Protein backbone atom coordinates (compact mmCIF):
# COMPACT_ATOMS: atom_id res chain seq x y z
CA MET A 1 -28.77 61.24 5.31
CA ALA A 2 -30.32 61.96 8.68
CA GLN A 3 -28.80 60.00 11.54
CA ASP A 4 -29.56 60.11 15.27
CA THR A 5 -26.44 60.16 17.44
CA LEU A 6 -26.60 58.30 20.75
CA SER A 7 -26.93 60.67 23.66
CA ASN A 8 -24.44 58.77 25.82
CA VAL A 9 -21.59 59.03 23.31
CA ASP A 10 -19.27 62.02 23.04
CA SER A 11 -19.95 64.56 20.31
CA PRO A 12 -17.71 64.73 17.20
CA ARG A 13 -15.73 67.70 18.48
CA ARG A 14 -14.37 65.53 21.33
CA ARG A 15 -13.31 62.60 19.19
CA SER A 16 -9.68 63.62 19.21
CA GLY A 17 -9.43 62.71 22.92
CA LEU A 18 -9.30 59.23 24.40
CA LEU A 19 -9.38 56.32 21.94
CA ARG A 20 -12.54 54.87 23.46
CA ASP A 21 -14.29 58.20 22.98
CA GLN A 22 -13.63 58.18 19.24
CA VAL A 23 -16.30 55.52 18.69
CA GLN A 24 -19.75 56.94 17.97
CA LEU A 25 -22.88 54.99 17.22
CA VAL A 26 -25.40 56.42 14.78
CA LYS A 27 -28.83 55.12 13.86
CA ARG A 28 -29.38 54.05 10.29
CA SER A 29 -32.02 56.01 8.47
CA THR A 30 -33.28 52.84 6.76
CA SER A 31 -33.69 50.65 9.86
CA ALA A 32 -33.75 50.60 13.63
CA ARG A 33 -30.17 49.30 13.80
CA TYR A 34 -27.12 51.25 14.84
CA GLU A 35 -23.74 51.39 13.09
CA ILE A 36 -20.43 53.16 13.71
CA ALA A 37 -19.97 56.75 12.60
CA PRO A 38 -16.93 56.79 10.25
CA ILE A 39 -13.62 57.77 11.84
CA GLN A 40 -11.80 59.97 9.35
CA ASP A 41 -8.23 59.45 10.60
CA GLN A 42 -6.29 56.35 9.65
CA LEU A 43 -5.39 54.25 12.68
CA SER A 44 -2.38 52.10 13.48
CA PHE A 45 -2.83 48.34 13.79
CA GLU A 46 -2.89 48.44 17.61
CA LYS A 47 -5.13 51.50 17.90
CA GLY A 48 -7.44 50.10 15.25
CA PHE A 49 -7.64 46.83 17.14
CA PHE A 50 -8.72 48.63 20.31
CA ILE A 51 -11.28 50.75 18.43
CA VAL A 52 -12.80 47.71 16.69
CA LEU A 53 -13.19 45.89 20.02
CA ARG A 54 -14.88 48.96 21.50
CA ALA A 55 -17.15 49.29 18.46
CA CYS A 56 -18.20 45.62 18.65
CA GLN A 57 -19.09 45.97 22.32
CA LEU A 58 -21.27 49.03 21.69
CA LEU A 59 -22.97 47.47 18.67
CA VAL A 60 -23.87 44.34 20.63
CA GLN A 61 -25.35 46.52 23.38
CA LYS A 62 -27.57 48.52 21.02
CA ASN A 63 -28.50 46.04 18.27
CA GLU A 64 -30.61 42.90 18.41
CA GLY A 65 -29.42 39.61 16.93
CA ILE A 66 -26.16 39.03 15.09
CA VAL A 67 -23.72 41.95 14.70
CA LEU A 68 -21.98 41.58 11.34
CA VAL A 69 -18.45 42.99 10.91
CA GLY A 70 -16.65 43.14 7.55
CA VAL A 71 -12.82 43.23 7.50
CA ALA A 72 -11.40 43.87 4.02
CA GLY A 73 -8.11 44.86 2.44
CA PRO A 74 -5.57 43.82 -0.19
CA SER A 75 -3.89 40.43 -0.19
CA GLY A 76 -1.18 40.23 2.45
CA ALA A 77 -2.23 43.35 4.36
CA GLY A 78 -2.81 41.49 7.64
CA LYS A 79 -6.59 40.88 7.70
CA SER A 80 -6.26 37.32 9.01
CA VAL A 81 -3.77 38.35 11.70
CA PHE A 82 -6.15 41.14 12.75
CA THR A 83 -9.23 38.91 13.00
CA GLU A 84 -7.27 36.17 14.79
CA LYS A 85 -6.14 38.75 17.34
CA ILE A 86 -9.78 39.69 17.97
CA LEU A 87 -10.62 36.00 18.29
CA ASN A 88 -7.91 35.60 20.96
CA VAL A 89 -9.55 38.35 23.03
CA MET A 90 -13.15 37.32 22.28
CA PRO A 91 -13.07 33.54 21.62
CA SER A 92 -16.86 33.34 21.40
CA ILE A 93 -17.04 35.23 18.08
CA ALA A 94 -17.40 33.52 14.69
CA ILE A 95 -15.14 34.20 11.71
CA ILE A 96 -16.05 33.57 8.10
CA ASN A 97 -13.09 33.64 5.70
CA MET A 98 -14.24 34.54 2.19
CA ASP A 99 -11.38 32.55 0.64
CA ASN A 100 -13.38 29.42 1.47
CA TYR A 101 -16.14 30.62 -0.85
CA ASN A 102 -13.93 30.51 -3.94
CA GLU A 103 -15.75 28.74 -6.75
CA PRO A 104 -13.11 26.56 -8.46
CA SER A 105 -14.94 26.47 -11.80
CA ARG A 106 -14.62 30.27 -12.06
CA ILE A 107 -10.82 30.47 -11.71
CA VAL A 108 -9.26 31.83 -14.91
CA ASP A 109 -5.46 32.00 -15.42
CA GLY A 110 -4.84 31.56 -11.70
CA ASN A 111 -6.51 34.87 -10.83
CA PHE A 112 -7.74 34.35 -7.26
CA ASP A 113 -8.54 38.06 -6.83
CA ASP A 114 -11.24 38.26 -9.51
CA PRO A 115 -14.48 39.46 -7.83
CA ARG A 116 -16.48 36.95 -9.91
CA LEU A 117 -14.71 34.08 -8.13
CA THR A 118 -16.74 34.39 -4.90
CA ASP A 119 -19.73 32.08 -4.42
CA TYR A 120 -21.98 34.81 -3.00
CA GLU A 121 -25.04 32.57 -3.12
CA THR A 122 -23.61 30.19 -0.50
CA LEU A 123 -22.03 33.05 1.48
CA LEU A 124 -25.27 35.02 1.77
CA GLU A 125 -27.18 31.84 2.60
CA ASN A 126 -24.73 31.20 5.47
CA ILE A 127 -24.97 34.79 6.72
CA HIS A 128 -28.77 34.75 6.78
CA GLY A 129 -28.71 31.37 8.52
CA LEU A 130 -26.48 32.73 11.30
CA LYS A 131 -28.63 35.85 11.61
CA ALA A 132 -31.60 33.51 12.14
CA GLY A 133 -29.66 31.76 14.92
CA LYS A 134 -29.17 28.51 12.98
CA PRO A 135 -25.99 26.44 12.43
CA VAL A 136 -24.68 26.68 8.86
CA GLN A 137 -22.42 24.58 6.60
CA VAL A 138 -19.34 26.64 5.65
CA PRO A 139 -17.26 25.43 2.66
CA ILE A 140 -13.63 24.35 3.11
CA TYR A 141 -11.32 25.40 0.27
CA ASP A 142 -7.89 23.82 -0.37
CA PHE A 143 -5.41 26.21 -2.03
CA LYS A 144 -2.91 23.58 -3.09
CA SER A 145 -5.51 21.66 -5.11
CA SER A 146 -7.65 24.77 -5.89
CA SER A 147 -10.80 22.90 -4.93
CA ARG A 148 -13.62 22.77 -2.40
CA VAL A 149 -12.87 19.73 -0.23
CA GLY A 150 -15.79 19.69 2.20
CA TYR A 151 -17.83 21.66 4.71
CA ARG A 152 -17.70 22.48 8.42
CA THR A 153 -20.54 23.34 10.78
CA LEU A 154 -20.53 26.87 12.17
CA GLU A 155 -22.88 27.62 15.07
CA ALA A 156 -24.41 31.04 15.69
CA PRO A 157 -21.89 32.55 18.19
CA SER A 158 -22.88 33.25 21.79
CA SER A 159 -21.19 36.66 21.54
CA ARG A 160 -23.54 37.49 18.61
CA ILE A 161 -20.50 38.82 16.67
CA VAL A 162 -19.69 37.42 13.21
CA ILE A 163 -16.64 38.70 11.33
CA ILE A 164 -16.47 38.28 7.55
CA GLU A 165 -12.85 38.55 6.43
CA GLY A 166 -11.69 38.79 2.82
CA ILE A 167 -10.56 41.10 0.05
CA TYR A 168 -14.21 41.71 -0.92
CA ALA A 169 -15.72 41.77 2.58
CA LEU A 170 -16.89 45.37 1.97
CA SER A 171 -18.32 44.67 -1.48
CA GLU A 172 -21.62 46.12 -2.60
CA LYS A 173 -23.37 42.77 -2.08
CA LEU A 174 -22.36 42.62 1.59
CA ARG A 175 -22.35 46.28 2.69
CA PRO A 176 -26.11 46.54 3.40
CA LEU A 177 -25.78 43.67 5.91
CA LEU A 178 -22.76 45.03 7.78
CA ASP A 179 -23.00 46.89 11.09
CA LEU A 180 -19.27 47.67 11.06
CA ARG A 181 -16.94 48.05 8.08
CA VAL A 182 -13.17 47.83 8.65
CA SER A 183 -10.34 48.19 6.13
CA VAL A 184 -6.79 46.95 6.74
CA THR A 185 -4.11 48.14 4.35
CA GLY A 186 -0.32 48.40 4.28
CA GLY A 187 2.41 49.63 1.99
CA VAL A 188 2.81 47.85 -1.34
CA HIS A 189 6.35 46.83 -0.36
CA PHE A 190 5.59 44.81 2.77
CA ASP A 191 2.22 43.64 1.46
CA LEU A 192 4.26 42.07 -1.35
CA VAL A 193 6.69 40.40 1.07
CA LYS A 194 3.90 39.03 3.25
CA ARG A 195 1.90 37.76 0.29
CA VAL A 196 4.95 35.93 -1.09
CA LEU A 197 5.76 34.31 2.26
CA ARG A 198 2.13 33.33 2.82
CA ASP A 199 1.59 31.74 -0.60
CA ILE A 200 4.84 29.77 -0.46
CA GLN A 201 3.55 28.11 2.68
CA ARG A 202 -0.16 27.93 1.83
CA ALA A 203 -0.20 27.06 -1.85
CA GLY A 204 3.31 25.73 -2.44
CA GLN A 205 3.98 28.27 -5.20
CA GLU A 206 7.39 29.49 -6.32
CA PRO A 207 8.33 33.06 -5.28
CA GLU A 208 8.71 34.31 -8.84
CA GLU A 209 5.34 32.82 -9.81
CA ILE A 210 3.71 34.61 -6.88
CA ILE A 211 5.30 38.00 -7.62
CA GLN A 212 4.45 37.75 -11.31
CA GLN A 213 0.87 36.90 -10.38
CA ILE A 214 0.72 39.90 -8.05
CA SER A 215 1.93 42.32 -10.71
CA GLU A 216 -0.35 40.91 -13.44
CA THR A 217 -3.55 40.17 -11.52
CA VAL A 218 -3.54 40.99 -7.80
CA TYR A 219 -2.51 44.63 -8.04
CA PRO A 220 -4.76 45.50 -11.02
CA MET A 221 -7.71 43.79 -9.26
CA TYR A 222 -6.96 45.75 -6.09
CA LYS A 223 -6.91 49.12 -7.89
CA ALA A 224 -10.04 48.39 -9.93
CA PHE A 225 -12.30 46.58 -7.47
CA ILE A 226 -11.01 46.42 -3.89
CA GLU A 227 -9.72 49.94 -3.27
CA PRO A 228 -13.09 51.63 -4.04
CA ASP A 229 -14.82 49.33 -1.48
CA LEU A 230 -12.27 50.23 1.21
CA LYS A 231 -13.24 53.90 1.00
CA THR A 232 -16.60 52.97 2.56
CA ALA A 233 -15.01 51.66 5.77
CA HIS A 234 -16.06 53.08 9.14
CA ILE A 235 -12.59 52.32 10.54
CA LYS A 236 -9.45 52.49 8.38
CA ILE A 237 -6.36 50.70 9.69
CA VAL A 238 -2.84 50.99 8.26
CA ASN A 239 -0.80 47.92 9.14
CA LYS A 240 2.88 48.80 9.34
CA PHE A 241 3.83 45.35 10.57
CA ASN A 242 7.34 44.55 9.43
CA PRO A 243 7.74 40.87 8.48
CA PHE A 244 11.45 41.09 9.29
CA ALA A 245 10.79 41.97 12.95
CA GLY A 246 10.19 38.33 13.83
CA PHE A 247 13.43 37.05 12.35
CA GLN A 248 15.66 35.56 15.02
CA ASN A 249 18.90 35.28 13.02
CA PRO A 250 19.85 38.63 11.54
CA THR A 251 23.28 39.33 10.06
CA TYR A 252 25.51 41.76 11.97
CA VAL A 253 27.72 43.93 9.78
CA LEU A 254 30.66 46.19 10.64
CA LYS A 255 31.92 48.34 7.79
CA SER A 256 34.95 50.61 7.34
CA THR A 257 36.90 52.44 4.64
CA LYS A 258 40.18 51.67 6.43
CA VAL A 259 42.74 49.93 4.23
CA VAL A 260 43.29 46.30 5.25
CA ASP A 261 45.63 44.03 3.31
CA VAL A 262 45.04 40.39 2.44
CA ASP A 263 47.61 39.05 4.93
CA GLN A 264 45.85 40.87 7.80
CA ILE A 265 42.55 39.28 6.80
CA LYS A 266 44.00 35.78 6.51
CA ALA A 267 45.54 36.15 9.97
CA VAL A 268 42.11 36.43 11.68
CA PHE A 269 41.11 32.94 10.49
CA PRO A 270 42.77 30.39 12.81
CA ASN A 271 41.49 27.37 10.88
CA GLU A 272 40.42 26.57 7.32
CA TYR A 273 38.64 29.27 5.33
CA LYS A 274 37.28 29.82 1.83
CA GLU A 275 38.61 32.53 -0.49
CA ILE A 276 36.71 33.70 -3.59
CA THR A 277 36.30 36.77 -5.79
CA GLU A 278 33.02 37.85 -7.34
CA GLU A 279 31.41 40.68 -9.25
CA THR A 280 27.80 41.70 -8.66
CA TYR A 281 25.35 44.28 -9.93
CA ASP A 282 22.71 45.39 -7.44
CA ILE A 283 19.58 47.04 -8.83
CA TYR A 284 17.95 49.05 -6.03
CA LEU A 285 14.19 49.41 -6.55
CA LEU A 286 12.38 52.26 -4.83
CA PRO A 287 8.96 51.21 -3.44
CA PRO A 288 5.91 53.20 -4.60
CA SER A 289 5.43 56.60 -2.93
CA GLU A 290 8.73 56.37 -1.00
CA ASP A 291 11.09 59.34 -0.71
CA PRO A 292 14.32 58.39 -2.56
CA GLU A 293 16.39 60.58 -0.20
CA ALA A 294 15.15 58.88 2.98
CA CYS A 295 13.93 55.41 1.97
CA GLN A 296 15.27 52.56 4.10
CA SER A 297 13.28 49.69 2.60
CA TYR A 298 14.57 49.30 -0.94
CA LEU A 299 13.91 46.10 -2.84
CA ARG A 300 17.18 44.79 -4.24
CA MET A 301 17.61 42.65 -7.36
CA ARG A 302 21.11 41.21 -7.65
CA ASN A 303 22.77 39.96 -10.83
CA LYS A 304 25.68 37.60 -10.17
CA ASP A 305 27.09 35.28 -12.82
CA GLY A 306 23.99 35.85 -14.95
CA LYS A 307 21.62 34.73 -12.19
CA TYR A 308 19.14 37.09 -10.55
CA THR A 309 18.18 37.13 -6.90
CA LEU A 310 15.46 39.25 -5.31
CA MET A 311 16.25 40.46 -1.79
CA PHE A 312 13.72 41.78 0.69
CA GLU A 313 15.59 43.44 3.51
CA GLU A 314 15.31 46.23 6.04
CA TRP A 315 18.29 47.69 7.82
CA VAL A 316 18.51 48.60 11.46
CA THR A 317 21.46 50.56 12.82
CA ASP A 318 22.77 49.85 16.30
CA ASN A 319 25.94 51.92 16.17
CA PRO A 320 28.44 50.76 15.06
CA PHE A 321 26.57 47.72 13.69
CA ILE A 322 24.32 47.48 10.68
CA ILE A 323 21.78 44.72 11.39
CA SER A 324 20.29 43.21 8.26
CA PRO A 325 17.48 40.63 8.31
CA ARG A 326 16.98 39.39 4.77
CA ILE A 327 14.69 37.17 2.70
CA THR A 328 16.13 36.04 -0.65
CA PHE A 329 14.49 34.44 -3.72
CA GLU A 330 16.03 33.37 -7.01
CA VAL A 331 14.10 34.90 -9.92
CA SER A 332 14.39 35.71 -13.62
CA VAL A 333 15.11 39.16 -15.02
CA ARG A 334 11.60 39.40 -16.53
CA LEU A 335 10.30 39.91 -13.00
CA LEU A 336 11.74 43.43 -13.10
CA GLY A 337 8.96 44.47 -15.49
CA GLY A 338 6.31 43.08 -13.16
CA LEU A 339 7.72 44.99 -10.19
CA MET A 340 7.81 48.22 -12.15
CA ALA A 341 4.16 47.62 -13.05
CA LEU A 342 3.49 47.62 -9.29
CA GLY A 343 4.97 51.11 -9.06
CA TYR A 344 8.59 50.32 -8.20
CA SER A 345 11.27 52.40 -9.93
CA ILE A 346 15.01 51.89 -10.39
CA ALA A 347 16.84 54.15 -7.95
CA THR A 348 20.39 53.13 -8.80
CA ILE A 349 22.51 50.24 -10.09
CA LEU A 350 25.58 49.51 -7.99
CA LYS A 351 28.51 47.52 -9.39
CA ARG A 352 30.62 45.77 -6.74
CA SER A 353 33.87 43.79 -7.04
CA SER A 354 34.52 41.70 -3.92
CA HIS A 355 37.34 39.62 -2.46
CA ILE A 356 35.74 37.34 0.15
CA PHE A 357 37.22 35.27 2.98
CA SER A 358 34.88 33.15 5.11
CA ASP A 359 34.51 30.26 7.52
CA ASP A 360 31.44 28.91 9.29
CA LYS A 361 31.36 31.83 11.78
CA VAL A 362 32.35 35.00 9.97
CA CYS A 363 32.84 36.56 6.54
CA VAL A 364 35.40 39.27 5.80
CA LYS A 365 35.16 40.94 2.41
CA THR A 366 36.76 43.86 0.65
CA ASP A 367 34.38 45.62 -1.74
CA TRP A 368 35.31 48.01 -4.53
CA LEU A 369 32.25 50.15 -5.32
CA GLU A 370 32.53 51.57 -8.83
CA GLN A 371 29.79 54.15 -8.31
CA LEU A 372 31.36 55.47 -5.09
CA ASN A 373 34.93 55.04 -6.39
CA ARG A 374 35.90 53.67 -2.99
CA ARG A 375 37.00 50.50 -1.26
CA TYR A 376 35.33 49.16 1.89
CA VAL A 377 36.04 46.28 4.22
CA GLN A 378 33.09 44.45 5.78
CA VAL A 379 32.94 41.93 8.60
CA GLN A 380 29.66 39.96 8.69
CA GLY A 381 28.22 37.15 10.78
CA ARG A 382 25.36 35.90 12.94
CA ASP A 383 27.36 36.13 16.20
CA ARG A 384 27.54 39.79 17.14
CA LEU A 385 30.40 39.40 19.64
CA HIS A 386 32.52 37.35 17.22
CA VAL A 387 31.99 39.89 14.43
CA LYS A 388 33.18 42.65 16.78
CA TYR A 389 36.19 40.56 17.85
CA VAL A 390 37.30 39.92 14.25
CA ALA A 391 36.78 43.56 13.24
CA ASP A 392 38.78 44.79 16.22
CA SER A 393 41.52 42.27 15.36
CA LEU A 394 41.74 43.93 11.92
CA GLY A 395 42.24 47.29 13.62
CA LEU A 396 38.90 48.68 12.47
CA ASP A 397 37.73 49.94 15.86
CA GLY A 398 37.00 53.66 15.69
CA SER A 399 36.62 53.70 11.89
CA TYR A 400 33.21 52.07 11.51
CA ILE A 401 30.61 53.52 9.14
CA PRO A 402 27.09 52.51 10.26
CA ARG A 403 25.58 52.99 6.79
CA THR A 404 24.61 50.61 4.03
CA TYR A 405 25.91 51.25 0.53
CA ILE A 406 22.59 52.65 -0.67
CA GLU A 407 22.50 54.97 2.35
CA GLN A 408 26.03 56.12 1.52
CA ILE A 409 24.89 56.91 -2.02
CA GLN A 410 21.90 58.83 -0.65
CA LEU A 411 24.14 60.82 1.69
CA GLU A 412 26.74 61.65 -0.93
CA LYS A 413 24.02 62.81 -3.31
CA LEU A 414 22.72 65.09 -0.58
CA LEU A 415 26.23 66.43 0.08
CA ASN A 416 26.80 67.02 -3.64
CA ASP A 417 23.49 68.88 -3.85
CA VAL A 418 24.58 71.09 -0.96
CA MET A 419 28.00 71.74 -2.52
CA ALA A 420 26.27 72.85 -5.72
CA LEU A 421 24.44 75.63 -3.86
CA PRO A 422 25.64 79.25 -3.95
CA ASP A 423 28.25 80.05 -1.28
CA ASP A 424 25.89 82.17 0.85
CA LEU A 425 23.44 79.23 1.15
CA LYS A 426 26.20 76.65 1.53
CA THR A 427 27.49 78.32 4.70
CA LYS A 428 24.06 77.92 6.29
CA LEU A 429 24.21 74.14 5.90
CA SER A 430 26.82 72.33 8.01
CA ILE A 431 26.71 68.59 7.32
CA ASP A 432 29.68 66.54 8.46
CA ASP A 433 29.90 63.28 6.50
CA ASP A 434 31.67 61.53 9.39
CA LEU A 435 29.17 62.52 12.05
CA VAL A 436 25.80 61.69 10.56
CA SER A 437 24.55 58.11 10.49
CA SER A 438 21.92 58.38 7.75
CA PRO A 439 20.58 60.67 5.00
CA ARG A 440 17.47 61.24 7.12
CA GLU A 441 19.68 62.52 9.97
CA ALA A 442 21.60 64.73 7.56
CA LEU A 443 18.40 66.31 6.31
CA SER A 444 17.22 66.80 9.87
CA ARG A 445 20.54 68.33 10.92
CA ALA A 446 20.60 70.68 7.93
CA SER A 447 17.07 71.81 8.74
CA ALA A 448 18.02 72.38 12.39
CA ASP A 449 21.06 74.42 11.33
CA ARG A 450 18.86 76.62 9.17
CA ARG A 451 16.44 77.23 12.03
CA THR A 452 19.23 78.03 14.53
CA LYS A 453 21.01 80.45 12.21
CA PHE A 454 17.73 82.14 11.34
CA LEU A 455 16.91 82.66 15.04
CA ASN A 456 20.42 84.00 15.77
CA ARG A 457 20.38 86.62 13.03
């Protein structure tokens, strides 16, 4: 396809320089309008945001009338957050959310991701109305009642920029009208978390119902219909937003293998406390495409007293603390099949026997880990200083292990793999279990040792 590149824009060989210089306009061969030349590299959320703003500005300068931008991606990837951020910077733009064009009569088995659900007739009528400079009547869709509840008037924006946002915003029916095509995607793991949190609030659904729906309809629809459309995007954005980052009340954990007896633990509680014992089985699920030796975002399904709980969590280490924001849902065991259909796999099953002492400020527990054949003591709480005070009172200072149990399993597997090597290779790898804080660091240190010893030969 022959395309005329604008003379005032940098040539392709310079597009690895400044962000603003990565945006090129090219003339369509089928019309007098300009569009963005595709950027091959995937961009972060922030870089993509800057590039899209730059692209919109250039398109408005070179094209007459309305500039139409499509923002598409899987459910929960961050499309709405992205478009709202653009709106905050350019409040004179117009946004059309394709969810409002759901046709209730076409919903089958609660599948809101079926491409046949969209009322394209009304959507295209609205788009052409805006392109003609006329106000249009945009439908209003209510997710809790799954029905169209009215209409709102949308004026042609003074900025001349209209963003269409939705999972099918880059579909074949819309692509010929778009001046800029943007895809926003994320990892399956956090897309899943965000979708669950969103639908609990928006549609009042139960977590298990949402996750089952994702595994049975959302993900298959994405692979079959949405993903091929996203390959046509001019700008591809990978949203690594972590939904845990906004949590204000994480749990602080100090962990040690030092032996602490029951009387010592009871002595740190000046007032009333609870004392229980429990046995749990934690099924650690590896997200799709993650490295099992370095993954730090496992999905955990816990079985306690015959009840199953799904835990979304991500660990942060601030030596000697493990900081663990967590979102927890009660589910049934059948959900495990749905998650495995999404590409999750069972990494390990960890059996834990715990003796727990707690009050309203802190929890002290001794854990016997069958798989590690080892006992740990943990001090947990929301008040970082109080957790440190209690742990120090137990004499744990200087013995802390800033690793989660799954990280300890990863590290010990790595150490066992090294020990199984021939002696001449083993001497080239010096990994001290007490000095490394994570499997990732151990791998890095082993690699550095190999490089140093190679250079010193």
